[in-house]
């Protein structure tokens, strides 16, 4: 529970990949995202500001209301090497995007409109290590989950800080290999995606577990309190031999659950009871989708680990 902070002089710029939907020519900047000399920084900032203006205009003018699920990307940000194994995304109540990697409990704040990493802080001192597969915002707390269902609960930290934490074992690691985490505020429950079910759940269409958590609940997180949310496999296209969620999010307006399966390259939206709302291919081309978030517009944000290239965060319109 030790703390501390390191001063940082300026945010780190993300590189921008070409996105035809925004018009114009994509920037030819790559690399780790570390600012260079003053002249280069100034030129990159000017181009980045132009890009931001186009993105903002698209979001504000259309509100994404007429967008289809297969629409072209709104923007695509190439991430620095520190996030090569990006594993989860979450939006705070005031719309800030948080991300984390796979092996170390370091949380990054990404400005997805301007292409900046504005802050990072570490859970534990030194950083806690594990197989981290999702992040969620619960009130004033953040939660990281491992593939074995262990939760790390902590508060946001200042840039460069180390924050304390508490742990909670859901006991669900024996039931599934878990991947993806979100918070259903209406039901006061954490959602943990079931990527690879154990023998007892094989063939039973398990999408995720809903675990009571937060104010007004026992917050024990034990498997005894978990509800299984399932979808009849017959409701999915025959070409999908299974559905292995790698990310989960709650729709900010409908309250439905949006799940992405990286193995199948698919997106499924279901009601909290498991009834199918929509199912189809994940828009765009994705090497290894590991995280998903939905803005209030709504826009879909998808994070891909680096695979034969840089890790990326891509924004798409999401149908109302």
Protein backbone atom coordinates (compact mmCIF):
# COMPACT_ATOMS: atom_id res chain seq x y z
CA UNK A 1 0.00 0.00 0.00
CA UNK A 2 3.01 2.28 -0.42
CA UNK A 3 2.58 5.31 -2.61
CA UNK A 4 4.61 7.81 -4.53
CA UNK A 5 4.60 9.85 -7.72
CA UNK A 6 6.94 10.71 -10.55
CA UNK A 7 6.50 14.02 -12.32
CA UNK A 8 5.91 13.83 -16.06
CA UNK A 9 6.54 16.79 -18.31
CA UNK A 10 4.08 16.15 -21.13
CA UNK A 11 1.65 13.56 -22.47
CA UNK A 12 2.74 10.91 -24.96
CA UNK A 13 1.32 11.21 -28.46
CA UNK A 14 -0.11 8.18 -30.19
CA UNK A 15 0.60 7.61 -33.85
CA UNK A 16 -2.31 7.84 -36.27
CA UNK A 17 -3.15 5.19 -38.85
CA UNK A 18 -4.83 6.14 -42.12
CA UNK A 19 -8.63 6.09 -41.86
CA UNK A 20 -10.51 6.74 -45.08
CA UNK A 21 -13.75 7.61 -43.27
CA UNK A 22 -12.22 10.84 -41.99
CA UNK A 23 -11.14 12.05 -45.41
CA UNK A 24 -7.75 13.35 -46.41
CA UNK A 25 -4.46 11.51 -46.15
CA UNK A 26 -3.51 9.47 -43.13
CA UNK A 27 -0.43 10.50 -41.17
CA UNK A 28 2.72 8.53 -41.81
CA UNK A 29 3.88 8.58 -38.21
CA UNK A 30 4.77 5.39 -36.39
CA UNK A 31 7.09 4.25 -33.65
CA UNK A 32 6.74 4.21 -29.89
CA UNK A 33 4.85 7.47 -29.59
CA UNK A 34 7.65 9.23 -27.67
CA UNK A 35 7.85 12.94 -28.58
CA UNK A 36 10.98 13.98 -30.45
CA UNK A 37 12.56 17.43 -30.84
CA UNK A 38 10.51 20.63 -30.56
CA UNK A 39 10.08 21.16 -34.29
CA UNK A 40 8.91 17.59 -34.88
CA UNK A 41 6.58 17.79 -31.90
CA UNK A 42 5.07 21.02 -33.20
CA UNK A 43 4.49 19.61 -36.69
CA UNK A 44 2.99 16.41 -35.32
CA UNK A 45 0.76 18.34 -32.93
CA UNK A 46 -0.55 20.50 -35.77
CA UNK A 47 -1.42 17.46 -37.89
CA UNK A 48 -2.90 15.71 -34.89
CA UNK A 49 -5.12 18.72 -34.14
CA UNK A 50 -6.44 18.62 -37.72
CA UNK A 51 -7.20 14.96 -37.31
CA UNK A 52 -9.02 15.62 -34.06
CA UNK A 53 -11.17 18.31 -35.65
CA UNK A 54 -12.32 15.90 -38.34
CA UNK A 55 -13.07 13.16 -35.83
CA UNK A 56 -15.00 15.49 -33.55
CA UNK A 57 -17.00 16.89 -36.46
CA UNK A 58 -18.01 13.38 -37.51
CA UNK A 59 -19.10 12.44 -33.99
CA UNK A 60 -20.96 15.67 -33.24
CA UNK A 61 -22.69 16.15 -36.58
CA UNK A 62 -24.09 12.65 -37.08
CA UNK A 63 -24.31 11.47 -33.45
CA UNK A 64 -23.67 8.14 -35.19
CA UNK A 65 -27.44 7.72 -35.47
CA UNK A 66 -27.54 6.44 -39.03
CA UNK A 67 -24.43 4.29 -38.75
CA UNK A 68 -24.42 0.61 -39.59
CA UNK A 69 -22.45 -2.02 -37.73
CA UNK A 70 -20.21 -2.50 -40.79
CA UNK A 71 -19.39 1.22 -41.17
CA UNK A 72 -15.81 2.31 -41.80
CA UNK A 73 -13.69 3.29 -38.79
CA UNK A 74 -13.98 6.77 -37.34
CA UNK A 75 -10.36 6.74 -36.18
CA UNK A 76 -7.53 4.35 -35.44
CA UNK A 77 -4.72 5.02 -32.97
CA UNK A 78 -1.44 3.12 -32.97
CA UNK A 79 -0.28 2.49 -29.41
CA UNK A 80 3.27 2.65 -28.00
CA UNK A 81 5.20 -0.50 -27.16
CA UNK A 82 4.21 -0.27 -23.49
CA UNK A 83 0.70 -1.30 -24.57
CA UNK A 84 1.66 -4.02 -27.05
CA UNK A 85 -0.33 -6.47 -24.92
CA UNK A 86 -3.32 -4.22 -24.32
CA UNK A 87 -5.95 -6.37 -22.69
CA UNK A 88 -8.90 -4.27 -21.55
CA UNK A 89 -10.73 -0.95 -21.90
CA UNK A 90 -13.17 0.90 -19.65
CA UNK A 91 -14.80 4.33 -19.73
CA UNK A 92 -15.16 6.38 -16.56
CA UNK A 93 -18.41 8.13 -15.71
CA UNK A 94 -17.03 11.38 -17.15
CA UNK A 95 -15.98 9.71 -20.41
CA UNK A 96 -12.26 9.11 -19.93
CA UNK A 97 -10.84 5.94 -21.49
CA UNK A 98 -8.71 3.63 -19.33
CA UNK A 99 -6.62 0.72 -20.62
CA UNK A 100 -4.27 -1.89 -19.20
CA UNK A 101 -1.80 -4.51 -20.36
CA UNK A 102 -1.76 -8.26 -19.84
CA UNK A 103 1.02 -9.01 -17.38
CA UNK A 104 1.57 -5.94 -15.16
CA UNK A 105 -1.05 -3.91 -13.31
CA UNK A 106 -0.38 -0.57 -14.94
CA UNK A 107 -3.38 1.55 -15.92
CA UNK A 108 -3.19 4.11 -18.74
CA UNK A 109 -5.56 6.96 -19.54
CA UNK A 110 -5.99 7.42 -23.31
CA UNK A 111 -7.50 10.52 -24.87
CA UNK A 112 -9.15 8.74 -27.80
CA UNK A 113 -10.20 12.01 -29.47
CA UNK A 114 -6.74 13.59 -29.56
CA UNK A 115 -4.50 10.54 -29.61
CA UNK A 116 -2.68 11.07 -26.32
CA UNK A 117 -1.67 9.00 -23.34
CA UNK A 118 -2.34 11.55 -20.64
CA UNK A 119 -1.58 9.54 -17.52
CA UNK A 120 -0.48 6.19 -16.16
CA UNK A 121 -0.30 4.76 -12.66
CA UNK A 122 0.67 1.45 -11.13
CA UNK A 123 -1.26 -0.92 -8.88
CA UNK A 124 1.11 -2.02 -6.14
CA UNK A 125 4.74 -1.10 -5.50
CA UNK A 126 6.28 -2.82 -7.38
CA UNK A 127 3.53 -3.46 -9.90
CA UNK A 128 1.34 -6.49 -9.26
CA UNK A 129 1.82 -9.16 -11.92
CA UNK A 130 -0.74 -11.61 -13.28
CA UNK A 131 -2.81 -12.57 -16.29
CA UNK A 132 -5.02 -9.47 -16.35
CA UNK A 133 -7.99 -9.78 -18.69
CA UNK A 134 -10.33 -6.86 -18.00
CA UNK A 135 -10.95 -3.57 -16.23
CA UNK A 136 -14.18 -2.01 -14.94
CA UNK A 137 -15.25 1.20 -13.20
CA UNK A 138 -17.40 0.71 -10.09
CA UNK A 139 -18.32 4.02 -8.48
CA UNK A 140 -15.09 5.63 -7.34
CA UNK A 141 -13.15 2.37 -7.63
CA UNK A 142 -11.51 0.46 -10.44
CA UNK A 143 -11.37 -3.32 -10.72
CA UNK A 144 -8.88 -5.47 -12.62
CA UNK A 145 -9.71 -9.15 -13.17
CA UNK A 146 -7.42 -12.07 -13.95
CA UNK A 147 -8.24 -15.08 -16.11
CA UNK A 148 -8.62 -17.11 -12.88
CA UNK A 149 -11.29 -14.75 -11.52
CA UNK A 150 -9.18 -12.87 -8.96
CA UNK A 151 -10.25 -9.22 -8.62
CA UNK A 152 -7.96 -6.33 -7.72
CA UNK A 153 -9.89 -3.33 -6.37
CA UNK A 154 -8.23 0.09 -6.12
CA UNK A 155 -8.70 3.84 -6.57
CA UNK A 156 -7.43 5.90 -9.47
CA UNK A 157 -3.96 7.33 -8.98
CA UNK A 158 -2.16 10.44 -10.10
CA UNK A 159 0.25 10.26 -13.01
CA UNK A 160 3.23 8.14 -12.03
CA UNK A 161 1.73 7.06 -8.69
CA UNK A 162 1.62 3.62 -7.07
CA UNK A 163 -1.77 2.84 -5.52
CA UNK A 164 -2.80 0.31 -2.91
CA UNK A 165 -5.34 -2.41 -3.57
CA UNK A 166 -7.40 -5.23 -2.09
CA UNK A 167 -8.07 -8.61 -3.66
CA UNK A 168 -11.14 -10.78 -3.96
CA UNK A 169 -11.33 -14.28 -5.43
CA UNK A 170 -14.62 -14.96 -7.24
CA UNK A 171 -13.96 -18.70 -7.19
CA UNK A 172 -14.97 -18.89 -10.86
CA UNK A 173 -11.56 -19.87 -12.21
CA UNK A 174 -12.49 -23.56 -12.05
CA UNK A 175 -15.61 -22.99 -14.15
CA UNK A 176 -14.10 -21.00 -17.02
CA UNK A 177 -11.04 -19.31 -18.34
CA UNK A 178 -12.31 -15.77 -17.82
CA UNK A 179 -11.69 -12.89 -20.19
CA UNK A 180 -13.37 -9.50 -20.30
CA UNK A 181 -14.83 -7.44 -17.46
CA UNK A 182 -17.59 -4.82 -17.21
CA UNK A 183 -19.94 -3.42 -14.59
CA UNK A 184 -23.75 -3.54 -14.77
CA UNK A 185 -24.69 -0.65 -12.47
CA UNK A 186 -28.41 -1.41 -12.71
CA UNK A 187 -27.89 -4.89 -11.27
CA UNK A 188 -24.87 -3.93 -9.17
CA UNK A 189 -22.86 -6.75 -10.63
CA UNK A 190 -19.56 -7.38 -12.35
CA UNK A 191 -19.70 -9.21 -15.68
CA UNK A 192 -16.92 -11.72 -16.35
CA UNK A 193 -16.75 -13.23 -19.82
CA UNK A 194 -16.41 -17.01 -20.12
CA UNK A 195 -13.86 -17.51 -22.90
CA UNK A 196 -13.20 -21.19 -22.40
CA UNK A 197 -15.72 -23.13 -20.29
CA UNK A 198 -14.64 -26.04 -18.16
CA UNK A 199 -16.02 -29.55 -18.63
CA UNK A 200 -19.11 -28.86 -16.52
CA UNK A 201 -20.21 -25.98 -18.78
CA UNK A 202 -19.07 -27.27 -22.16
CA UNK A 203 -21.85 -26.95 -24.75
CA UNK A 204 -24.15 -24.99 -22.44
CA UNK A 205 -23.81 -21.66 -24.26
CA UNK A 206 -22.26 -19.80 -21.34
CA UNK A 207 -21.41 -16.21 -22.28
CA UNK A 208 -20.50 -14.72 -18.93
CA UNK A 209 -21.02 -14.69 -15.18
CA UNK A 210 -22.75 -11.90 -13.27
CA UNK A 211 -21.25 -11.44 -9.80
CA UNK A 212 -22.90 -9.12 -7.22
CA UNK A 213 -20.49 -6.33 -6.39
CA UNK A 214 -20.47 -2.81 -5.03
CA UNK A 215 -22.72 -0.63 -2.87
CA UNK A 216 -25.71 -2.44 -1.46
CA UNK A 217 -24.36 -5.93 -2.11
CA UNK A 218 -22.44 -8.35 0.05
CA UNK A 219 -19.53 -7.74 -2.31
CA UNK A 220 -18.01 -11.08 -1.41
CA UNK A 221 -17.64 -11.97 -5.05
CA UNK A 222 -17.96 -15.66 -4.32
CA UNK A 223 -18.99 -18.21 -6.93
CA UNK A 224 -22.10 -19.03 -4.88
CA UNK A 225 -23.53 -15.58 -5.72
CA UNK A 226 -22.67 -15.72 -9.42
CA UNK A 227 -25.41 -15.96 -12.06
CA UNK A 228 -24.67 -17.67 -15.36
CA UNK A 229 -25.80 -15.77 -18.47
CA UNK A 230 -26.16 -18.16 -21.41
CA UNK A 231 -27.19 -17.98 -25.06
CA UNK A 232 -28.61 -21.01 -26.84
CA UNK A 233 -25.93 -21.94 -29.41
CA UNK A 234 -28.75 -22.60 -31.90
CA UNK A 235 -29.31 -18.83 -32.05
CA UNK A 236 -25.85 -18.25 -33.51
CA UNK A 237 -24.94 -18.72 -37.20
CA UNK A 238 -23.99 -22.28 -38.05
CA UNK A 239 -20.58 -21.10 -39.26
CA UNK A 240 -19.68 -20.16 -35.70
CA UNK A 241 -18.55 -23.38 -34.08
CA UNK A 242 -18.52 -21.57 -30.74
CA UNK A 243 -18.37 -18.16 -29.20
CA UNK A 244 -15.38 -17.36 -27.00
CA UNK A 245 -15.74 -13.86 -25.50
CA UNK A 246 -12.57 -11.83 -25.18
CA UNK A 247 -14.28 -8.57 -24.15
CA UNK A 248 -17.61 -7.46 -22.69
CA UNK A 249 -19.32 -4.08 -22.24
CA UNK A 250 -22.71 -2.75 -21.12
CA UNK A 251 -24.58 -0.64 -23.66
CA UNK A 252 -24.80 2.85 -22.07
CA UNK A 253 -28.42 3.42 -23.20
CA UNK A 254 -30.06 0.01 -23.62
CA UNK A 255 -28.36 -1.76 -20.75
CA UNK A 256 -27.73 -4.77 -22.98
CA UNK A 257 -24.46 -6.69 -23.01
CA UNK A 258 -22.08 -6.34 -25.97
CA UNK A 259 -19.51 -9.13 -26.31
CA UNK A 260 -16.64 -9.49 -28.75
CA UNK A 261 -15.07 -12.85 -29.55
CA UNK A 262 -11.55 -12.45 -30.89
CA UNK A 263 -11.20 -16.08 -32.03
CA UNK A 264 -14.34 -15.92 -34.16
CA UNK A 265 -14.01 -12.23 -35.07
CA UNK A 266 -17.63 -11.67 -34.07
CA UNK A 267 -19.80 -9.32 -32.02
CA UNK A 268 -22.92 -10.37 -30.11
CA UNK A 269 -25.39 -8.18 -28.24
CA UNK A 270 -27.74 -9.85 -25.77
CA UNK A 271 -30.21 -8.81 -23.10
CA UNK A 272 -29.20 -9.34 -19.47
CA UNK A 273 -31.32 -12.52 -19.59
CA UNK A 274 -29.32 -13.83 -22.57
CA UNK A 275 -31.83 -13.18 -25.38
CA UNK A 276 -30.13 -12.38 -28.68
CA UNK A 277 -30.38 -8.76 -29.90
CA UNK A 278 -27.86 -8.91 -32.74
CA UNK A 279 -24.97 -11.06 -33.92
CA UNK A 280 -22.54 -10.50 -36.75
CA UNK A 281 -18.93 -10.03 -37.77
CA UNK A 282 -16.85 -7.51 -35.86
CA UNK A 283 -16.49 -4.49 -38.16
CA UNK A 284 -13.12 -3.90 -39.77
CA UNK A 285 -10.04 -6.10 -39.75
CA UNK A 286 -8.67 -7.05 -36.33
CA UNK A 287 -5.56 -9.06 -35.58
CA UNK A 288 -6.36 -9.83 -31.94
CA UNK A 289 -9.26 -7.90 -30.34
CA UNK A 290 -8.91 -7.93 -26.56
CA UNK A 291 -10.85 -4.94 -25.23
CA UNK A 292 -14.10 -3.12 -25.99
CA UNK A 293 -15.85 0.02 -24.76
CA UNK A 294 -18.98 1.95 -25.80
CA UNK A 295 -19.30 5.72 -25.60
CA UNK A 296 -22.62 7.50 -25.04
CA UNK A 297 -22.80 8.56 -28.73
CA UNK A 298 -22.60 5.52 -29.11
CA UNK A 299 -19.25 4.66 -30.65
CA UNK A 300 -17.57 1.27 -30.37
CA UNK A 301 -13.91 1.23 -29.31
CA UNK A 302 -11.95 -1.95 -29.98
CA UNK A 303 -8.42 -2.60 -28.68
CA UNK A 304 -6.10 -5.06 -30.49
CA UNK A 305 -2.88 -6.49 -29.15
CA UNK A 306 0.20 -6.07 -31.31
CA UNK A 307 0.39 -8.93 -33.76
CA UNK A 308 2.70 -8.45 -36.74
CA UNK A 309 2.46 -4.72 -36.12
CA UNK A 310 1.50 -2.17 -33.47
CA UNK A 311 -1.28 -2.49 -30.93
CA UNK A 312 -4.23 -0.29 -31.89
CA UNK A 313 -7.47 1.23 -30.63
CA UNK A 314 -10.09 1.63 -33.37
CA UNK A 315 -13.34 3.61 -33.18
CA UNK A 316 -16.48 2.60 -35.10
CA UNK A 317 -20.05 3.84 -35.20
CA UNK A 318 -22.39 1.56 -33.26
CA UNK A 319 -26.03 1.23 -34.37
CA UNK A 320 -28.68 2.60 -32.05
